[in-house]
Amino acid sequence: MPEIRAVRARYPVLVLWCLTLMLVPPVGSVCAAAEDVVFPVRVQQGAMVIGKVAPKSQVIYDGRTLAVTDNGTVVFGVAADATGPLHLRVTPPGGAALSVDVAVQPRDWPVERVAGLPPKTVSPPPQIAARIRREQARVAEARTTSDSGMGFAEAFIWPVHGRVSGRFGSRRVYNGIPGAPHSGMDIAVPTGTPVRAPASGRVVFADLGLYLTGGTVLIDHGYGIGSNFLHLSRLDVRVGDVVSQGQVIGLAGATGRATGPHLHWGMTWFQMRIDPLLVLDRTQ
């Protein structure tokens, strides 16, 4: 099987032109020959990766067949603990299968210590723990499917502007008890700050009263990429709403298990957590 690392191209200049337009190619444009495949040579842990293949190609990554857009764009996430290289198998229509390896750059995850939480929020009693499991199962269910929206290909914007008070992937210790790695980015803002959709999409979950995350909204940006917004004090959208980039979806707050007002913005590829800050960095 032929192996490529980043670009296999019959027309290199045309492929470089396409890389600048990969997110939103012009209608009717042709990027390269049918066998051409474009992926990054190297990505970071927690990244969202966008690649380019011939339309109607089959792309398999980590045992999953990726959906390919009409213009040949594919997107997937890289786990925070991925060690790489990532292996993709690309079969263009009517062509031979290609093997693509993408190197993974490790990151140094910091440790954050959070003190002063009520003991029952760190180690909840059985009845509360059961409620948390039920609520988290509902959230997880909302991430199992995704539509063909192209919001993931937009240049993402910040949902709020403020001090970043918590980083994706940081190892958190709550009242001295180790917890799961932080699944998103915390942005410190006053209660009542409008929260805007960082990219267009469809609301797939909206609930004001979850125990851990309080006011919670999930937006599907298409092809498995989603955003979640936690600790909201007000929701301005409901399930099924289609939102545009920059639209207010609610107000920031300190609902659920929060020590102060802030927005937790997380991103996922289906159930895999990815880093919103990397998504912002790659498009701005």
C-alpha atoms as a PDB file:
ATOM      1  CA  MET A   1       0.000   0.000   0.000  1.00  0.00           C
ATOM      2  CA  PRO A   2       1.486   3.410  -0.905  1.00  0.00           C
ATOM      3  CA  GLU A   3       2.283   5.574   2.116  1.00  0.00           C
ATOM      4  CA  ILE A   4       2.098   9.374   2.311  1.00  0.00           C
ATOM      5  CA  ARG A   5       2.782  11.756   5.156  1.00  0.00           C
ATOM      6  CA  ALA A   6       1.070  14.990   4.222  1.00  0.00           C
ATOM      7  CA  VAL A   7       0.563  15.703   0.524  1.00  0.00           C
ATOM      8  CA  ARG A   8       0.403  13.336  -2.434  1.00  0.00           C
ATOM      9  CA  ALA A   9      -0.169  15.593  -5.423  1.00  0.00           C
ATOM     10  CA  ARG A  10       0.004  15.537  -9.176  1.00  0.00           C
ATOM     11  CA  TYR A  11      -0.189  19.354  -9.220  1.00  0.00           C
ATOM     12  CA  PRO A  12       1.727  20.754  -6.165  1.00  0.00           C
ATOM     13  CA  VAL A  13       0.959  24.440  -6.831  1.00  0.00           C
ATOM     14  CA  LEU A  14      -2.759  23.699  -7.071  1.00  0.00           C
ATOM     15  CA  VAL A  15      -2.661  21.757  -3.805  1.00  0.00           C
ATOM     16  CA  LEU A  16      -0.946  24.642  -2.000  1.00  0.00           C
ATOM     17  CA  TRP A  17      -3.687  26.938  -3.315  1.00  0.00           C
ATOM     18  CA  CYS A  18      -6.252  24.506  -1.965  1.00  0.00           C
ATOM     19  CA  LEU A  19      -4.644  24.418   1.483  1.00  0.00           C
ATOM     20  CA  THR A  20      -5.379  28.132   1.846  1.00  0.00           C
ATOM     21  CA  LEU A  21      -9.007  27.471   0.929  1.00  0.00           C
ATOM     22  CA  MET A  22      -9.459  24.107   2.627  1.00  0.00           C
ATOM     23  CA  LEU A  23     -12.097  25.285   5.076  1.00  0.00           C
ATOM     24  CA  VAL A  24     -14.461  26.850   2.549  1.00  0.00           C
ATOM     25  CA  PRO A  25     -13.492  26.036  -1.068  1.00  0.00           C
ATOM     26  CA  PRO A  26     -15.227  28.064  -3.776  1.00  0.00           C
ATOM     27  CA  VAL A  27     -18.293  26.500  -5.338  1.00  0.00           C
ATOM     28  CA  GLY A  28     -17.290  24.442  -8.377  1.00  0.00           C
ATOM     29  CA  SER A  29     -13.550  24.628  -7.670  1.00  0.00           C
ATOM     30  CA  VAL A  30     -11.311  21.625  -8.239  1.00  0.00           C
ATOM     31  CA  CYS A  31      -8.426  21.220  -5.806  1.00  0.00           C
ATOM     32  CA  ALA A  32      -6.375  18.460  -7.363  1.00  0.00           C
ATOM     33  CA  ALA A  33      -6.472  15.094  -9.049  1.00  0.00           C
ATOM     34  CA  ALA A  34      -8.734  12.395  -7.637  1.00  0.00           C
ATOM     35  CA  GLU A  35      -5.893  10.573  -5.868  1.00  0.00           C
ATOM     36  CA  ASP A  36      -4.634  13.684  -4.043  1.00  0.00           C
ATOM     37  CA  VAL A  37      -4.784  13.603  -0.252  1.00  0.00           C
ATOM     38  CA  VAL A  38      -3.872  16.490   2.071  1.00  0.00           C
ATOM     39  CA  PHE A  39      -3.449  16.161   5.846  1.00  0.00           C
ATOM     40  CA  PRO A  40      -1.192  17.945   8.361  1.00  0.00           C
ATOM     41  CA  VAL A  41       2.206  16.372   8.887  1.00  0.00           C
ATOM     42  CA  ARG A  42       1.986  16.918  12.662  1.00  0.00           C
ATOM     43  CA  VAL A  43      -0.812  17.751  15.127  1.00  0.00           C
ATOM     44  CA  GLN A  44      -1.000  18.362  18.864  1.00  0.00           C
ATOM     45  CA  GLN A  45      -2.811  16.260  21.427  1.00  0.00           C
ATOM     46  CA  GLY A  46      -6.398  17.532  21.720  1.00  0.00           C
ATOM     47  CA  ALA A  47      -6.474  19.015  18.213  1.00  0.00           C
ATOM     48  CA  MET A  48      -9.276  19.219  15.664  1.00  0.00           C
ATOM     49  CA  VAL A  49      -7.848  18.039  12.335  1.00  0.00           C
ATOM     50  CA  ILE A  50      -9.226  19.001   8.944  1.00  0.00           C
ATOM     51  CA  GLY A  51      -8.023  17.141   5.860  1.00  0.00           C
ATOM     52  CA  LYS A  52      -8.779  17.046   2.165  1.00  0.00           C
ATOM     53  CA  VAL A  53      -9.465  14.055  -0.059  1.00  0.00           C
ATOM     54  CA  ALA A  54     -11.194  13.465  -3.366  1.00  0.00           C
ATOM     55  CA  PRO A  55     -15.005  13.694  -2.993  1.00  0.00           C
ATOM     56  CA  LYS A  56     -16.660  10.313  -2.374  1.00  0.00           C
ATOM     57  CA  SER A  57     -13.448   8.834  -0.983  1.00  0.00           C
ATOM     58  CA  GLN A  58     -13.586   6.387   1.895  1.00  0.00           C
ATOM     59  CA  VAL A  59     -11.550   7.520   4.920  1.00  0.00           C
ATOM     60  CA  ILE A  60     -11.017   5.262   7.933  1.00  0.00           C
ATOM     61  CA  TYR A  61      -9.470   6.578  11.148  1.00  0.00           C
ATOM     62  CA  ASP A  62      -9.254   4.785  14.488  1.00  0.00           C
ATOM     63  CA  GLY A  63     -11.719   2.151  13.308  1.00  0.00           C
ATOM     64  CA  ARG A  64     -14.326   4.730  12.273  1.00  0.00           C
ATOM     65  CA  THR A  65     -15.338   5.555   8.713  1.00  0.00           C
ATOM     66  CA  LEU A  66     -15.281   9.346   8.484  1.00  0.00           C
ATOM     67  CA  ALA A  67     -18.027  11.221   6.688  1.00  0.00           C
ATOM     68  CA  VAL A  68     -16.660  13.154   3.710  1.00  0.00           C
ATOM     69  CA  THR A  69     -18.258  16.450   2.700  1.00  0.00           C
ATOM     70  CA  ASP A  70     -19.352  17.074  -0.880  1.00  0.00           C
ATOM     71  CA  ASN A  71     -16.128  19.026  -1.498  1.00  0.00           C
ATOM     72  CA  GLY A  72     -13.904  16.339   0.014  1.00  0.00           C
ATOM     73  CA  THR A  73     -13.293  17.790   3.478  1.00  0.00           C
ATOM     74  CA  VAL A  74     -12.937  15.444   6.454  1.00  0.00           C
ATOM     75  CA  VAL A  75     -12.607  16.309  10.134  1.00  0.00           C
ATOM     76  CA  PHE A  76     -11.671  14.333  13.220  1.00  0.00           C
ATOM     77  CA  GLY A  77     -10.339  14.817  16.741  1.00  0.00           C
ATOM     78  CA  VAL A  78      -7.105  13.796  18.466  1.00  0.00           C
ATOM     79  CA  ALA A  79      -7.375  12.486  22.013  1.00  0.00           C
ATOM     80  CA  ALA A  80      -5.552  14.338  24.773  1.00  0.00           C
ATOM     81  CA  ASP A  81      -3.542  11.191  25.523  1.00  0.00           C
ATOM     82  CA  ALA A  82      -2.878  10.171  21.907  1.00  0.00           C
ATOM     83  CA  THR A  83       0.710   9.071  21.313  1.00  0.00           C
ATOM     84  CA  GLY A  84       0.704   8.681  17.525  1.00  0.00           C
ATOM     85  CA  PRO A  85       1.401   8.392  14.817  1.00  0.00           C
ATOM     86  CA  LEU A  86      -2.226   8.514  13.745  1.00  0.00           C
ATOM     87  CA  HIS A  87      -3.066   6.107  10.939  1.00  0.00           C
ATOM     88  CA  LEU A  88      -5.620   6.884   8.244  1.00  0.00           C
ATOM     89  CA  ARG A  89      -6.615   4.738   5.278  1.00  0.00           C
ATOM     90  CA  VAL A  90      -7.901   6.696   2.287  1.00  0.00           C
ATOM     91  CA  THR A  91      -9.490   5.002  -0.707  1.00  0.00           C
ATOM     92  CA  PRO A  92     -10.378   7.413  -3.514  1.00  0.00           C
ATOM     93  CA  PRO A  93     -13.259   6.451  -5.815  1.00  0.00           C
ATOM     94  CA  GLY A  94     -11.953   3.941  -8.311  1.00  0.00           C
ATOM     95  CA  GLY A  95      -8.415   4.172  -6.934  1.00  0.00           C
ATOM     96  CA  ALA A  96      -6.011   2.251  -4.730  1.00  0.00           C
ATOM     97  CA  ALA A  97      -5.995   2.649  -0.958  1.00  0.00           C
ATOM     98  CA  LEU A  98      -3.442   5.034   0.542  1.00  0.00           C
ATOM     99  CA  SER A  99      -1.941   4.960   4.041  1.00  0.00           C
ATOM    100  CA  VAL A 100      -1.501   8.304   5.792  1.00  0.00           C
ATOM    101  CA  ASP A 101       0.504   8.762   9.009  1.00  0.00           C
ATOM    102  CA  VAL A 102       0.189  11.944  11.058  1.00  0.00           C
ATOM    103  CA  ALA A 103       2.645  12.558  13.900  1.00  0.00           C
ATOM    104  CA  VAL A 104       1.317  13.647  17.303  1.00  0.00           C
ATOM    105  CA  GLN A 105       3.075  16.322  19.334  1.00  0.00           C
ATOM    106  CA  PRO A 106       2.747  15.663  23.096  1.00  0.00           C
ATOM    107  CA  ARG A 107       1.823  18.412  25.501  1.00  0.00           C
ATOM    108  CA  ASP A 108       2.793  19.088  29.106  1.00  0.00           C
ATOM    109  CA  TRP A 109      -0.486  19.068  31.018  1.00  0.00           C
ATOM    110  CA  PRO A 110      -0.415  21.284  34.152  1.00  0.00           C
ATOM    111  CA  VAL A 111      -1.905  20.372  37.515  1.00  0.00           C
ATOM    112  CA  GLU A 112      -4.575  22.686  38.938  1.00  0.00           C
ATOM    113  CA  ARG A 113      -5.670  22.552  42.561  1.00  0.00           C
ATOM    114  CA  VAL A 114      -9.195  23.677  43.419  1.00  0.00           C
ATOM    115  CA  ALA A 115      -9.915  24.141  47.119  1.00  0.00           C
ATOM    116  CA  GLY A 116     -12.946  25.234  49.085  1.00  0.00           C
ATOM    117  CA  LEU A 117     -15.569  23.097  47.358  1.00  0.00           C
ATOM    118  CA  PRO A 118     -18.345  21.723  49.578  1.00  0.00           C
ATOM    119  CA  PRO A 119     -17.465  18.090  50.429  1.00  0.00           C
ATOM    120  CA  LYS A 120     -20.709  16.766  48.952  1.00  0.00           C
ATOM    121  CA  THR A 121     -19.819  18.177  45.534  1.00  0.00           C
ATOM    122  CA  VAL A 122     -16.451  16.374  45.529  1.00  0.00           C
ATOM    123  CA  SER A 123     -17.786  13.068  46.882  1.00  0.00           C
ATOM    124  CA  PRO A 124     -21.567  13.250  46.422  1.00  0.00           C
ATOM    125  CA  PRO A 125     -23.857  10.928  48.379  1.00  0.00           C
ATOM    126  CA  PRO A 126     -25.295   7.909  46.516  1.00  0.00           C
ATOM    127  CA  GLN A 127     -28.576   9.584  45.586  1.00  0.00           C
ATOM    128  CA  ILE A 128     -26.806  12.585  44.072  1.00  0.00           C
ATOM    129  CA  ALA A 129     -24.243  10.341  42.362  1.00  0.00           C
ATOM    130  CA  ALA A 130     -27.091   8.451  40.688  1.00  0.00           C
ATOM    131  CA  ARG A 131     -28.594  11.734  39.490  1.00  0.00           C
ATOM    132  CA  ILE A 132     -25.236  12.806  38.059  1.00  0.00           C
ATOM    133  CA  ARG A 133     -24.918   9.523  36.140  1.00  0.00           C
ATOM    134  CA  ARG A 134     -28.404   9.943  34.653  1.00  0.00           C
ATOM    135  CA  GLU A 135     -27.711  13.520  33.604  1.00  0.00           C
ATOM    136  CA  GLN A 136     -24.327  12.724  32.110  1.00  0.00           C
ATOM    137  CA  ALA A 137     -25.860   9.835  30.169  1.00  0.00           C
ATOM    138  CA  ARG A 138     -28.320  12.289  28.594  1.00  0.00           C
ATOM    139  CA  VAL A 139     -25.466  14.586  27.611  1.00  0.00           C
ATOM    140  CA  ALA A 140     -23.452  11.696  26.188  1.00  0.00           C
ATOM    141  CA  GLU A 141     -26.447  10.530  24.150  1.00  0.00           C
ATOM    142  CA  ALA A 142     -26.681  13.970  22.517  1.00  0.00           C
ATOM    143  CA  ARG A 143     -23.124  13.514  21.206  1.00  0.00           C
ATOM    144  CA  THR A 144     -23.623  10.134  19.551  1.00  0.00           C
ATOM    145  CA  THR A 145     -24.921  11.537  16.246  1.00  0.00           C
ATOM    146  CA  SER A 146     -24.142  14.592  14.155  1.00  0.00           C
ATOM    147  CA  ASP A 147     -25.569  16.191  11.036  1.00  0.00           C
ATOM    148  CA  SER A 148     -23.941  17.493   7.855  1.00  0.00           C
ATOM    149  CA  GLY A 149     -23.678  21.118   8.950  1.00  0.00           C
ATOM    150  CA  MET A 150     -20.493  22.943   7.973  1.00  0.00           C
ATOM    151  CA  GLY A 151     -20.084  25.075  11.099  1.00  0.00           C
ATOM    152  CA  PHE A 152     -16.933  23.129  12.002  1.00  0.00           C
ATOM    153  CA  ALA A 153     -15.214  24.649   8.943  1.00  0.00           C
ATOM    154  CA  GLU A 154     -15.806  28.249  10.020  1.00  0.00           C
ATOM    155  CA  ALA A 155     -13.152  30.375  11.693  1.00  0.00           C
ATOM    156  CA  PHE A 156     -14.279  29.941  15.309  1.00  0.00           C
ATOM    157  CA  ILE A 157     -14.731  33.000  17.515  1.00  0.00           C
ATOM    158  CA  TRP A 158     -14.550  33.355  21.293  1.00  0.00           C
ATOM    159  CA  PRO A 159     -17.988  32.848  22.899  1.00  0.00           C
ATOM    160  CA  VAL A 160     -17.037  35.410  25.570  1.00  0.00           C
ATOM    161  CA  HIS A 161     -13.946  37.503  26.214  1.00  0.00           C
ATOM    162  CA  GLY A 162     -12.261  37.280  29.587  1.00  0.00           C
ATOM    163  CA  ARG A 163      -9.402  35.802  31.544  1.00  0.00           C
ATOM    164  CA  VAL A 164      -8.741  32.128  30.860  1.00  0.00           C
ATOM    165  CA  SER A 165      -8.996  30.637  34.343  1.00  0.00           C
ATOM    166  CA  GLY A 166      -8.823  26.959  33.431  1.00  0.00           C
ATOM    167  CA  ARG A 167      -7.064  25.115  30.613  1.00  0.00           C
ATOM    168  CA  PHE A 168      -8.118  22.056  28.694  1.00  0.00           C
ATOM    169  CA  GLY A 169      -6.333  18.889  29.799  1.00  0.00           C
ATOM    170  CA  SER A 170      -5.122  20.212  33.140  1.00  0.00           C
ATOM    171  CA  ARG A 171      -5.109  17.592  35.882  1.00  0.00           C
ATOM    172  CA  ARG A 172      -7.430  18.862  38.560  1.00  0.00           C
ATOM    173  CA  VAL A 173      -7.265  18.136  42.282  1.00  0.00           C
ATOM    174  CA  TYR A 174     -10.466  19.015  44.152  1.00  0.00           C
ATOM    175  CA  ASN A 175     -10.004  19.582  47.887  1.00  0.00           C
ATOM    176  CA  GLY A 176      -6.931  17.345  47.654  1.00  0.00           C
ATOM    177  CA  ILE A 177      -8.739  14.568  45.753  1.00  0.00           C
ATOM    178  CA  PRO A 178      -7.546  13.936  42.155  1.00  0.00           C
ATOM    179  CA  GLY A 179     -10.277  14.348  39.555  1.00  0.00           C
ATOM    180  CA  ALA A 180     -10.589  13.810  35.827  1.00  0.00           C
ATOM    181  CA  PRO A 181      -8.594  16.050  33.455  1.00  0.00           C
ATOM    182  CA  HIS A 182     -10.326  19.327  32.688  1.00  0.00           C
ATOM    183  CA  SER A 183     -12.509  18.788  29.626  1.00  0.00           C
ATOM    184  CA  GLY A 184     -12.624  22.357  28.330  1.00  0.00           C
ATOM    185  CA  MET A 185     -11.561  25.952  28.811  1.00  0.00           C
ATOM    186  CA  ASP A 186     -12.836  28.165  31.640  1.00  0.00           C
ATOM    187  CA  ILE A 187     -13.215  31.875  30.911  1.00  0.00           C
ATOM    188  CA  ALA A 188     -13.836  34.135  33.907  1.00  0.00           C
ATOM    189  CA  VAL A 189     -16.646  36.603  33.199  1.00  0.00           C
ATOM    190  CA  PRO A 190     -19.373  38.206  35.327  1.00  0.00           C
ATOM    191  CA  THR A 191     -22.748  36.556  35.728  1.00  0.00           C
ATOM    192  CA  GLY A 192     -25.036  37.804  32.964  1.00  0.00           C
ATOM    193  CA  THR A 193     -22.344  38.076  30.290  1.00  0.00           C
ATOM    194  CA  PRO A 194     -23.868  37.129  26.895  1.00  0.00           C
ATOM    195  CA  VAL A 195     -22.498  33.858  25.517  1.00  0.00           C
ATOM    196  CA  ARG A 196     -22.291  33.680  21.713  1.00  0.00           C
ATOM    197  CA  ALA A 197     -22.091  30.658  19.437  1.00  0.00           C
ATOM    198  CA  PRO A 198     -18.440  30.311  18.309  1.00  0.00           C
ATOM    199  CA  ALA A 199     -19.619  28.789  15.015  1.00  0.00           C
ATOM    200  CA  SER A 200     -22.958  27.943  13.451  1.00  0.00           C
ATOM    201  CA  GLY A 201     -24.762  24.727  14.282  1.00  0.00           C
ATOM    202  CA  ARG A 202     -27.815  23.052  15.748  1.00  0.00           C
ATOM    203  CA  VAL A 203     -28.722  22.899  19.448  1.00  0.00           C
ATOM    204  CA  VAL A 204     -28.860  19.243  20.511  1.00  0.00           C
ATOM    205  CA  PHE A 205     -29.111  19.676  24.307  1.00  0.00           C
ATOM    206  CA  ALA A 206     -30.377  22.449  26.564  1.00  0.00           C
ATOM    207  CA  ASP A 207     -31.104  22.135  30.284  1.00  0.00           C
ATOM    208  CA  LEU A 208     -30.854  24.799  32.987  1.00  0.00           C
ATOM    209  CA  GLY A 209     -30.710  22.482  36.001  1.00  0.00           C
ATOM    210  CA  LEU A 210     -27.953  19.855  35.791  1.00  0.00           C
ATOM    211  CA  TYR A 211     -26.298  19.094  39.123  1.00  0.00           C
ATOM    212  CA  LEU A 212     -22.646  19.345  38.053  1.00  0.00           C
ATOM    213  CA  THR A 213     -22.807  21.722  35.107  1.00  0.00           C
ATOM    214  CA  GLY A 214     -25.889  23.821  35.851  1.00  0.00           C
ATOM    215  CA  GLY A 215     -27.253  25.558  32.765  1.00  0.00           C
ATOM    216  CA  THR A 216     -25.917  23.459  29.889  1.00  0.00           C
ATOM    217  CA  VAL A 217     -26.141  23.859  26.102  1.00  0.00           C
ATOM    218  CA  LEU A 218     -24.647  21.628  23.411  1.00  0.00           C
ATOM    219  CA  ILE A 219     -24.280  22.768  19.784  1.00  0.00           C
ATOM    220  CA  ASP A 220     -23.572  20.341  16.946  1.00  0.00           C
ATOM    221  CA  HIS A 221     -21.296  22.052  14.399  1.00  0.00           C
ATOM    222  CA  GLY A 222     -21.506  19.108  11.993  1.00  0.00           C
ATOM    223  CA  TYR A 223     -19.522  15.967  11.171  1.00  0.00           C
ATOM    224  CA  GLY A 224     -19.057  15.095  14.851  1.00  0.00           C
ATOM    225  CA  ILE A 225     -17.642  18.424  16.040  1.00  0.00           C
ATOM    226  CA  GLY A 226     -19.590  19.973  18.915  1.00  0.00           C
ATOM    227  CA  SER A 227     -19.367  22.677  21.581  1.00  0.00           C
ATOM    228  CA  ASN A 228     -20.714  22.573  25.125  1.00  0.00           C
ATOM    229  CA  PHE A 229     -21.344  25.551  27.364  1.00  0.00           C
ATOM    230  CA  LEU A 230     -21.685  25.008  31.108  1.00  0.00           C
ATOM    231  CA  HIS A 231     -22.742  26.931  34.233  1.00  0.00           C
ATOM    232  CA  LEU A 232     -25.086  29.245  32.291  1.00  0.00           C
ATOM    233  CA  SER A 233     -27.474  31.391  34.321  1.00  0.00           C
ATOM    234  CA  ARG A 234     -29.978  31.679  31.442  1.00  0.00           C
ATOM    235  CA  LEU A 235     -30.659  29.736  28.263  1.00  0.00           C
ATOM    236  CA  ASP A 236     -31.843  31.560  25.151  1.00  0.00           C
ATOM    237  CA  VAL A 237     -32.090  28.493  22.897  1.00  0.00           C
ATOM    238  CA  ARG A 238     -33.852  25.161  22.893  1.00  0.00           C
ATOM    239  CA  VAL A 239     -33.198  21.754  21.350  1.00  0.00           C
ATOM    240  CA  GLY A 240     -33.607  21.867  17.587  1.00  0.00           C
ATOM    241  CA  ASP A 241     -32.759  25.551  17.177  1.00  0.00           C
ATOM    242  CA  VAL A 242     -30.332  26.372  14.372  1.00  0.00           C
ATOM    243  CA  VAL A 243     -27.919  29.090  15.496  1.00  0.00           C
ATOM    244  CA  SER A 244     -25.564  31.270  13.512  1.00  0.00           C
ATOM    245  CA  GLN A 245     -22.045  32.256  14.506  1.00  0.00           C
ATOM    246  CA  GLY A 246     -22.156  35.105  17.045  1.00  0.00           C
ATOM    247  CA  GLN A 247     -25.769  34.499  18.081  1.00  0.00           C
ATOM    248  CA  VAL A 248     -26.414  34.800  21.832  1.00  0.00           C
ATOM    249  CA  ILE A 249     -27.323  31.383  23.235  1.00  0.00           C
ATOM    250  CA  GLY A 250     -27.524  32.338  26.919  1.00  0.00           C
ATOM    251  CA  LEU A 251     -25.877  34.172  29.804  1.00  0.00           C
ATOM    252  CA  ALA A 252     -22.810  33.128  31.788  1.00  0.00           C
ATOM    253  CA  GLY A 253     -23.186  32.304  35.470  1.00  0.00           C
ATOM    254  CA  ALA A 254     -22.072  30.069  38.314  1.00  0.00           C
ATOM    255  CA  THR A 255     -24.755  27.362  38.284  1.00  0.00           C
ATOM    256  CA  GLY A 256     -23.987  23.741  39.087  1.00  0.00           C
ATOM    257  CA  ARG A 257     -20.632  22.919  40.670  1.00  0.00           C
ATOM    258  CA  ALA A 258     -18.830  26.206  40.174  1.00  0.00           C
ATOM    259  CA  THR A 259     -16.737  28.243  42.584  1.00  0.00           C
ATOM    260  CA  GLY A 260     -17.454  31.525  40.794  1.00  0.00           C
ATOM    261  CA  PRO A 261     -19.004  33.011  37.670  1.00  0.00           C
ATOM    262  CA  HIS A 262     -17.387  31.834  34.459  1.00  0.00           C
ATOM    263  CA  LEU A 263     -18.085  30.092  31.187  1.00  0.00           C
ATOM    264  CA  HIS A 264     -16.842  26.567  30.674  1.00  0.00           C
ATOM    265  CA  TRP A 265     -16.506  26.020  26.923  1.00  0.00           C
ATOM    266  CA  GLY A 266     -15.735  22.479  25.896  1.00  0.00           C
ATOM    267  CA  MET A 267     -15.446  20.906  22.449  1.00  0.00           C
ATOM    268  CA  THR A 268     -15.801  17.324  21.292  1.00  0.00           C
ATOM    269  CA  TRP A 269     -15.500  15.084  18.272  1.00  0.00           C
ATOM    270  CA  PHE A 270     -18.429  12.803  19.073  1.00  0.00           C
ATOM    271  CA  GLN A 271     -17.434  11.583  22.572  1.00  0.00           C
ATOM    272  CA  MET A 272     -13.750  12.591  22.318  1.00  0.00           C
ATOM    273  CA  ARG A 273     -12.726  15.796  24.110  1.00  0.00           C
ATOM    274  CA  ILE A 274     -10.700  18.314  22.102  1.00  0.00           C
ATOM    275  CA  ASP A 275      -9.154  21.661  23.020  1.00  0.00           C
ATOM    276  CA  PRO A 276     -11.166  24.801  22.093  1.00  0.00           C
ATOM    277  CA  LEU A 277      -8.024  26.934  22.278  1.00  0.00           C
ATOM    278  CA  LEU A 278      -6.374  24.862  19.547  1.00  0.00           C
ATOM    279  CA  VAL A 279      -9.493  25.256  17.399  1.00  0.00           C
ATOM    280  CA  LEU A 280      -9.281  29.028  17.835  1.00  0.00           C
ATOM    281  CA  ASP A 281      -5.540  29.022  17.101  1.00  0.00           C
ATOM    282  CA  ARG A 282      -5.907  27.101  13.841  1.00  0.00           C
ATOM    283  CA  THR A 283      -8.478  29.496  12.382  1.00  0.00           C
ATOM    284  CA  GLN A 284      -7.321  32.907  13.617  1.00  0.00           C
END
